[in-house]
């Protein structure tokens, strides 16, 4: 039961749901993408990303100093179904501004020499 409780607790937070929304629109994102779009400090983002990773919802990939996150392919069918159901909610009006902010950041980042994680 502990694994299931951790899974549902991971989904019971606005910031973690926003991270899940971002990753439902992009296959993989760098921590800098998540920090910027959600206007989080690095420590706060790391805490939320660690929570989602420990719950088995996300997995990370390291490349030099950059860490990239994506949805875990190792979720159980039940967990994957719940995440898919939650993701369907992200198409609504409440998340339109967040999606627009992500798209704007990714376009800006691609043209910027400041962000080296591309």
Protein backbone atom coordinates (compact mmCIF):
# COMPACT_ATOMS: atom_id res chain seq x y z
CA UNK A 1 0.00 0.00 0.00
CA UNK A 2 2.88 2.40 0.60
CA UNK A 3 3.76 2.54 -3.10
CA UNK A 4 0.17 3.39 -4.06
CA UNK A 5 -0.11 6.03 -1.33
CA UNK A 6 3.14 7.66 -2.50
CA UNK A 7 1.83 7.64 -6.10
CA UNK A 8 -1.41 9.38 -5.20
CA UNK A 9 0.32 11.84 -2.85
CA UNK A 10 2.62 12.77 -5.71
CA UNK A 11 -0.41 13.78 -7.77
CA UNK A 12 -1.98 15.75 -4.90
CA UNK A 13 0.06 18.93 -5.36
CA UNK A 14 -0.46 21.87 -7.74
CA UNK A 15 3.21 22.22 -8.63
CA UNK A 16 3.65 18.52 -9.33
CA UNK A 17 0.52 18.53 -11.47
CA UNK A 18 1.95 21.48 -13.40
CA UNK A 19 5.19 19.54 -13.94
CA UNK A 20 3.14 16.58 -15.16
CA UNK A 21 1.28 18.92 -17.52
CA UNK A 22 4.55 20.22 -18.98
CA UNK A 23 5.75 16.67 -19.54
CA UNK A 24 2.47 15.70 -21.17
CA UNK A 25 3.13 18.33 -23.85
CA UNK A 26 6.84 17.65 -24.32
CA UNK A 27 8.39 14.21 -24.25
CA UNK A 28 11.35 15.36 -22.20
CA UNK A 29 12.33 18.60 -20.47
CA UNK A 30 15.47 19.91 -18.84
CA UNK A 31 15.28 21.13 -15.27
CA UNK A 32 15.94 24.65 -16.58
CA UNK A 33 12.73 24.43 -18.64
CA UNK A 34 10.67 23.47 -15.62
CA UNK A 35 12.31 26.13 -13.41
CA UNK A 36 11.68 28.87 -15.91
CA UNK A 37 8.15 28.05 -16.98
CA UNK A 38 6.88 27.42 -13.44
CA UNK A 39 8.98 30.22 -11.89
CA UNK A 40 10.46 27.91 -9.26
CA UNK A 41 13.70 27.99 -7.34
CA UNK A 42 16.08 25.16 -8.06
CA UNK A 43 15.63 23.67 -4.59
CA UNK A 44 11.83 23.70 -4.85
CA UNK A 45 11.88 22.18 -8.35
CA UNK A 46 14.35 19.51 -7.24
CA UNK A 47 12.15 18.56 -4.31
CA UNK A 48 9.06 18.17 -6.49
CA UNK A 49 10.94 16.32 -9.23
CA UNK A 50 12.47 13.97 -6.67
CA UNK A 51 9.00 13.28 -5.22
CA UNK A 52 7.62 12.43 -8.67
CA UNK A 53 10.65 10.27 -9.44
CA UNK A 54 10.45 8.38 -6.14
CA UNK A 55 6.75 7.78 -6.80
CA UNK A 56 7.70 6.13 -10.10
CA UNK A 57 5.97 8.74 -12.26
CA UNK A 58 9.12 10.32 -13.74
CA UNK A 59 12.57 9.15 -14.63
CA UNK A 60 15.64 11.26 -15.24
CA UNK A 61 18.54 11.24 -17.65
CA UNK A 62 21.79 13.05 -17.04
CA UNK A 63 23.84 14.63 -19.78
CA UNK A 64 26.94 16.46 -18.54
CA UNK A 65 25.61 18.85 -15.88
CA UNK A 66 22.05 18.84 -17.20
CA UNK A 67 19.23 16.64 -15.94
CA UNK A 68 16.29 15.82 -18.19
CA UNK A 69 12.97 14.40 -17.02
CA UNK A 70 10.30 12.37 -18.79
CA UNK A 71 7.38 10.15 -17.82
CA UNK A 72 8.51 6.76 -16.62
CA UNK A 73 7.76 3.87 -18.97
CA UNK A 74 7.90 1.57 -15.92
CA UNK A 75 4.59 2.67 -14.40
CA UNK A 76 2.09 -0.11 -13.79
CA UNK A 77 -0.88 -0.22 -16.18
CA UNK A 78 -3.06 1.25 -13.42
CA UNK A 79 -0.61 4.10 -12.76
CA UNK A 80 -0.19 4.80 -16.47
CA UNK A 81 -3.97 4.86 -16.89
CA UNK A 82 -4.39 7.31 -14.02
CA UNK A 83 -1.64 9.56 -15.39
CA UNK A 84 -3.22 9.43 -18.85
CA UNK A 85 -6.57 10.37 -17.35
CA UNK A 86 -5.01 13.28 -15.47
CA UNK A 87 -3.22 14.39 -18.65
CA UNK A 88 -6.53 14.63 -20.51
CA UNK A 89 -7.48 17.34 -18.03
CA UNK A 90 -4.50 19.45 -19.15
CA UNK A 91 -6.17 20.28 -22.45
CA UNK A 92 -8.69 22.53 -20.68
CA UNK A 93 -8.71 26.30 -20.32
CA UNK A 94 -7.08 26.24 -16.89
CA UNK A 95 -3.83 24.97 -18.44
CA UNK A 96 -3.90 27.02 -21.69
CA UNK A 97 -1.75 29.82 -20.25
CA UNK A 98 0.79 27.33 -18.91
CA UNK A 99 1.05 25.63 -22.30
CA UNK A 100 1.50 28.99 -24.02
CA UNK A 101 4.24 29.93 -21.54
CA UNK A 102 6.04 26.65 -22.20
CA UNK A 103 5.86 27.11 -25.96
CA UNK A 104 7.15 30.68 -25.65
CA UNK A 105 10.05 29.60 -23.45
CA UNK A 106 11.06 26.74 -25.74
CA UNK A 107 11.04 29.07 -28.77
CA UNK A 108 13.08 31.68 -26.91
CA UNK A 109 15.48 29.09 -25.49
CA UNK A 110 16.21 27.64 -28.91
CA UNK A 111 17.43 31.04 -30.07
CA UNK A 112 19.39 31.87 -26.91
CA UNK A 113 23.11 31.21 -26.47
CA UNK A 114 22.62 31.48 -22.69
CA UNK A 115 20.94 28.12 -22.18
CA UNK A 116 23.32 25.32 -23.06
CA UNK A 117 20.97 22.41 -22.40
CA UNK A 118 19.48 22.33 -25.91
